[in-house]
N, C-alpha and C. Protein backbone atom coordinates (compact mmCIF):
# COMPACT_ATOMS: atom_id res chain seq x y z
N MET A 1 43.14 -136.33 -120.39
CA MET A 1 41.92 -136.68 -121.11
C MET A 1 42.07 -136.30 -122.59
N ALA A 2 42.27 -137.28 -123.45
CA ALA A 2 42.40 -136.98 -124.91
C ALA A 2 41.08 -137.01 -125.59
N ASN A 3 40.86 -135.90 -126.24
CA ASN A 3 39.59 -135.78 -127.05
C ASN A 3 38.35 -136.17 -126.30
N PRO A 4 38.02 -135.41 -125.23
CA PRO A 4 36.78 -135.76 -124.48
C PRO A 4 35.57 -135.43 -125.37
N THR A 5 34.50 -136.10 -125.13
CA THR A 5 33.20 -135.80 -125.78
C THR A 5 32.69 -134.56 -125.13
N LYS A 6 32.46 -133.50 -126.01
CA LYS A 6 31.99 -132.23 -125.47
C LYS A 6 30.46 -132.22 -125.49
N ILE A 7 29.92 -132.11 -124.31
CA ILE A 7 28.45 -132.10 -124.16
C ILE A 7 28.00 -130.73 -123.75
N PHE A 8 27.00 -130.16 -124.46
CA PHE A 8 26.42 -128.90 -124.07
C PHE A 8 25.02 -129.19 -123.55
N MET A 9 24.69 -128.67 -122.37
CA MET A 9 23.41 -129.01 -121.80
C MET A 9 22.66 -127.69 -121.35
N THR A 10 21.37 -127.72 -121.50
CA THR A 10 20.51 -126.64 -120.95
C THR A 10 19.48 -127.31 -120.05
N GLY A 11 19.00 -126.58 -119.09
CA GLY A 11 17.99 -127.09 -118.19
C GLY A 11 18.48 -127.90 -117.05
N VAL A 12 19.77 -127.87 -116.77
CA VAL A 12 20.35 -128.76 -115.76
C VAL A 12 19.94 -128.42 -114.33
N THR A 13 19.39 -127.19 -114.11
CA THR A 13 19.02 -126.88 -112.75
C THR A 13 17.56 -127.26 -112.40
N GLY A 14 16.86 -127.82 -113.45
CA GLY A 14 15.50 -128.35 -113.24
C GLY A 14 15.56 -129.81 -112.78
N PHE A 15 14.39 -130.32 -112.49
CA PHE A 15 14.33 -131.72 -111.99
C PHE A 15 14.81 -132.71 -113.01
N ILE A 16 14.26 -132.73 -114.20
CA ILE A 16 14.76 -133.72 -115.22
C ILE A 16 16.16 -133.44 -115.61
N GLY A 17 16.47 -132.19 -115.96
CA GLY A 17 17.81 -131.81 -116.38
C GLY A 17 18.88 -132.20 -115.33
N GLY A 18 18.59 -131.95 -114.07
CA GLY A 18 19.49 -132.31 -113.01
C GLY A 18 19.67 -133.83 -112.93
N SER A 19 18.68 -134.60 -113.16
CA SER A 19 18.78 -136.02 -113.18
C SER A 19 19.63 -136.52 -114.33
N VAL A 20 19.46 -135.96 -115.49
CA VAL A 20 20.24 -136.33 -116.70
C VAL A 20 21.70 -135.90 -116.46
N LEU A 21 21.94 -134.76 -115.92
CA LEU A 21 23.29 -134.35 -115.62
C LEU A 21 23.93 -135.30 -114.65
N GLY A 22 23.20 -135.72 -113.62
CA GLY A 22 23.75 -136.66 -112.58
C GLY A 22 24.12 -137.98 -113.28
N ARG A 23 23.31 -138.43 -114.22
CA ARG A 23 23.66 -139.69 -114.94
C ARG A 23 24.94 -139.58 -115.69
N PHE A 24 25.16 -138.43 -116.39
CA PHE A 24 26.38 -138.19 -117.09
C PHE A 24 27.57 -138.20 -116.10
N LEU A 25 27.41 -137.49 -114.96
CA LEU A 25 28.48 -137.34 -114.01
C LEU A 25 28.81 -138.71 -113.32
N ASP A 26 27.82 -139.60 -113.17
CA ASP A 26 27.96 -140.85 -112.56
C ASP A 26 28.40 -141.96 -113.55
N HIS A 27 28.40 -141.63 -114.81
CA HIS A 27 28.68 -142.65 -115.82
C HIS A 27 30.09 -143.19 -115.68
N LYS A 28 30.32 -144.46 -116.00
CA LYS A 28 31.65 -145.06 -115.83
C LYS A 28 32.72 -144.38 -116.67
N ASP A 29 32.27 -143.72 -117.76
CA ASP A 29 33.28 -143.02 -118.60
C ASP A 29 33.15 -141.46 -118.44
N ALA A 30 32.72 -141.03 -117.25
CA ALA A 30 32.53 -139.59 -117.03
C ALA A 30 33.77 -138.78 -117.23
N SER A 31 34.91 -139.41 -116.98
CA SER A 31 36.14 -138.61 -117.16
C SER A 31 36.38 -138.27 -118.66
N GLN A 32 35.66 -138.93 -119.51
CA GLN A 32 35.78 -138.75 -121.00
C GLN A 32 34.82 -137.65 -121.51
N PHE A 33 34.06 -137.02 -120.54
CA PHE A 33 33.08 -135.99 -120.95
C PHE A 33 33.57 -134.64 -120.49
N GLY A 34 33.36 -133.66 -121.35
CA GLY A 34 33.53 -132.26 -120.98
C GLY A 34 32.21 -131.65 -121.06
N ILE A 35 31.59 -131.40 -119.88
CA ILE A 35 30.17 -130.91 -119.86
C ILE A 35 30.17 -129.37 -119.66
N THR A 36 29.44 -128.70 -120.54
CA THR A 36 29.18 -127.33 -120.44
C THR A 36 27.71 -127.09 -120.27
N ALA A 37 27.25 -126.31 -119.31
CA ALA A 37 25.88 -126.06 -119.04
C ALA A 37 25.60 -124.55 -119.06
N LEU A 38 24.52 -124.16 -119.74
CA LEU A 38 24.07 -122.78 -119.74
C LEU A 38 23.02 -122.65 -118.63
N VAL A 39 23.34 -121.72 -117.67
CA VAL A 39 22.43 -121.49 -116.58
C VAL A 39 22.20 -120.04 -116.39
N ARG A 40 21.10 -119.63 -115.78
CA ARG A 40 20.73 -118.24 -115.57
C ARG A 40 21.32 -117.70 -114.28
N SER A 41 21.53 -118.50 -113.28
CA SER A 41 21.84 -118.06 -111.94
C SER A 41 23.35 -118.21 -111.67
N PRO A 42 24.03 -117.03 -111.35
CA PRO A 42 25.44 -117.17 -110.96
C PRO A 42 25.72 -118.11 -109.78
N ALA A 43 24.76 -118.13 -108.81
CA ALA A 43 24.94 -119.00 -107.66
C ALA A 43 24.86 -120.42 -108.05
N LYS A 44 23.98 -120.80 -108.93
CA LYS A 44 23.85 -122.14 -109.44
C LYS A 44 25.08 -122.55 -110.26
N ALA A 45 25.57 -121.54 -110.99
CA ALA A 45 26.76 -121.79 -111.80
C ALA A 45 27.91 -122.24 -110.95
N GLU A 46 28.07 -121.55 -109.84
CA GLU A 46 29.19 -121.78 -108.91
C GLU A 46 29.02 -123.24 -108.35
N LYS A 47 27.85 -123.59 -108.01
CA LYS A 47 27.60 -124.99 -107.53
C LYS A 47 28.02 -126.04 -108.58
N LEU A 48 27.58 -125.75 -109.86
CA LEU A 48 27.93 -126.69 -110.88
C LEU A 48 29.46 -126.72 -111.13
N LYS A 49 30.07 -125.58 -111.05
CA LYS A 49 31.50 -125.55 -111.27
C LYS A 49 32.24 -126.36 -110.18
N SER A 50 31.69 -126.38 -108.96
CA SER A 50 32.34 -127.14 -107.89
C SER A 50 32.31 -128.65 -108.11
N ILE A 51 31.41 -129.12 -109.02
CA ILE A 51 31.33 -130.56 -109.32
C ILE A 51 31.88 -130.88 -110.71
N GLY A 52 32.59 -129.92 -111.23
CA GLY A 52 33.33 -130.21 -112.51
C GLY A 52 32.63 -129.81 -113.77
N VAL A 53 31.57 -129.10 -113.68
CA VAL A 53 30.75 -128.71 -114.86
C VAL A 53 31.23 -127.31 -115.31
N ASN A 54 31.50 -127.08 -116.55
CA ASN A 54 31.78 -125.77 -117.07
C ASN A 54 30.46 -125.01 -117.18
N ALA A 55 30.14 -124.30 -116.17
CA ALA A 55 28.87 -123.53 -116.20
C ALA A 55 29.01 -122.15 -116.69
N VAL A 56 28.17 -121.80 -117.73
CA VAL A 56 28.18 -120.48 -118.33
C VAL A 56 26.90 -119.74 -117.96
N VAL A 57 27.04 -118.58 -117.43
CA VAL A 57 25.86 -117.80 -116.98
C VAL A 57 25.39 -117.04 -118.22
N GLY A 58 24.08 -117.23 -118.51
CA GLY A 58 23.46 -116.58 -119.70
C GLY A 58 22.05 -117.06 -119.85
N SER A 59 21.53 -116.80 -121.02
CA SER A 59 20.18 -117.14 -121.29
C SER A 59 19.99 -117.66 -122.69
N LEU A 60 18.96 -118.50 -122.88
CA LEU A 60 18.69 -118.97 -124.23
C LEU A 60 18.26 -117.85 -125.14
N ASP A 61 17.83 -116.72 -124.52
CA ASP A 61 17.48 -115.57 -125.33
C ASP A 61 18.71 -114.89 -126.00
N ASP A 62 19.87 -115.22 -125.54
CA ASP A 62 21.08 -114.78 -126.12
C ASP A 62 21.48 -115.77 -127.24
N ILE A 63 20.89 -115.53 -128.36
CA ILE A 63 21.08 -116.51 -129.49
C ILE A 63 22.53 -116.72 -129.82
N ALA A 64 23.33 -115.65 -129.92
CA ALA A 64 24.71 -115.80 -130.29
C ALA A 64 25.50 -116.68 -129.29
N LEU A 65 25.27 -116.50 -127.93
CA LEU A 65 25.91 -117.29 -126.96
C LEU A 65 25.47 -118.73 -127.08
N THR A 66 24.15 -119.02 -127.20
CA THR A 66 23.68 -120.36 -127.30
C THR A 66 24.17 -121.03 -128.57
N GLU A 67 24.23 -120.38 -129.67
CA GLU A 67 24.74 -120.97 -130.91
C GLU A 67 26.22 -121.27 -130.79
N ASN A 68 26.97 -120.39 -130.15
CA ASN A 68 28.44 -120.59 -129.98
C ASN A 68 28.61 -121.87 -129.12
N LEU A 69 27.95 -121.88 -127.97
CA LEU A 69 28.16 -123.08 -127.09
C LEU A 69 27.73 -124.37 -127.80
N ALA A 70 26.60 -124.37 -128.51
CA ALA A 70 26.12 -125.56 -129.17
C ALA A 70 27.04 -126.00 -130.31
N SER A 71 27.51 -124.99 -131.10
CA SER A 71 28.35 -125.37 -132.19
C SER A 71 29.70 -125.98 -131.81
N ASP A 72 30.15 -125.68 -130.60
CA ASP A 72 31.36 -126.22 -130.15
C ASP A 72 31.23 -127.68 -129.57
N ALA A 73 30.01 -128.10 -129.38
CA ALA A 73 29.74 -129.42 -128.70
C ALA A 73 29.60 -130.55 -129.73
N ASP A 74 29.91 -131.72 -129.24
CA ASP A 74 29.67 -132.93 -130.02
C ASP A 74 28.29 -133.44 -129.82
N VAL A 75 27.67 -133.14 -128.63
CA VAL A 75 26.38 -133.53 -128.28
C VAL A 75 25.72 -132.33 -127.61
N VAL A 76 24.40 -132.10 -128.00
CA VAL A 76 23.60 -131.07 -127.33
C VAL A 76 22.41 -131.75 -126.67
N VAL A 77 22.18 -131.49 -125.38
CA VAL A 77 21.04 -132.05 -124.64
C VAL A 77 20.32 -130.82 -124.07
N SER A 78 19.09 -130.61 -124.61
CA SER A 78 18.32 -129.48 -124.17
C SER A 78 17.12 -129.99 -123.31
N MET A 79 16.97 -129.53 -122.12
CA MET A 79 15.91 -129.98 -121.26
C MET A 79 15.11 -128.80 -120.69
N VAL A 80 14.99 -127.76 -121.53
CA VAL A 80 14.30 -126.53 -121.18
C VAL A 80 12.90 -126.61 -121.53
N CYS A 81 11.99 -126.14 -120.68
CA CYS A 81 10.61 -126.05 -121.04
C CYS A 81 10.16 -124.59 -120.77
N ARG A 82 9.68 -123.93 -121.80
CA ARG A 82 9.19 -122.53 -121.57
C ARG A 82 7.75 -122.60 -121.57
N LEU A 83 7.10 -122.02 -120.55
CA LEU A 83 5.68 -122.05 -120.41
C LEU A 83 5.10 -120.65 -120.70
């Protein structure tokens, strides 16, 4: 895979985020995507890793981690809702 499009996603374990992630994974050019997702749950991270997602366990409250992951991406897709 030469120069994949690096996509950083948040909220992928939610209903909408999971649907959007699924669309990326099912896309005809999915092999050209390198998807990184920030998740809070280590168990959910393992499930995501099993389907080819680079899952990073952490929190949006960790500003340095979030900035680092976002700055390395070509595309950022945030689907987090804080109530």
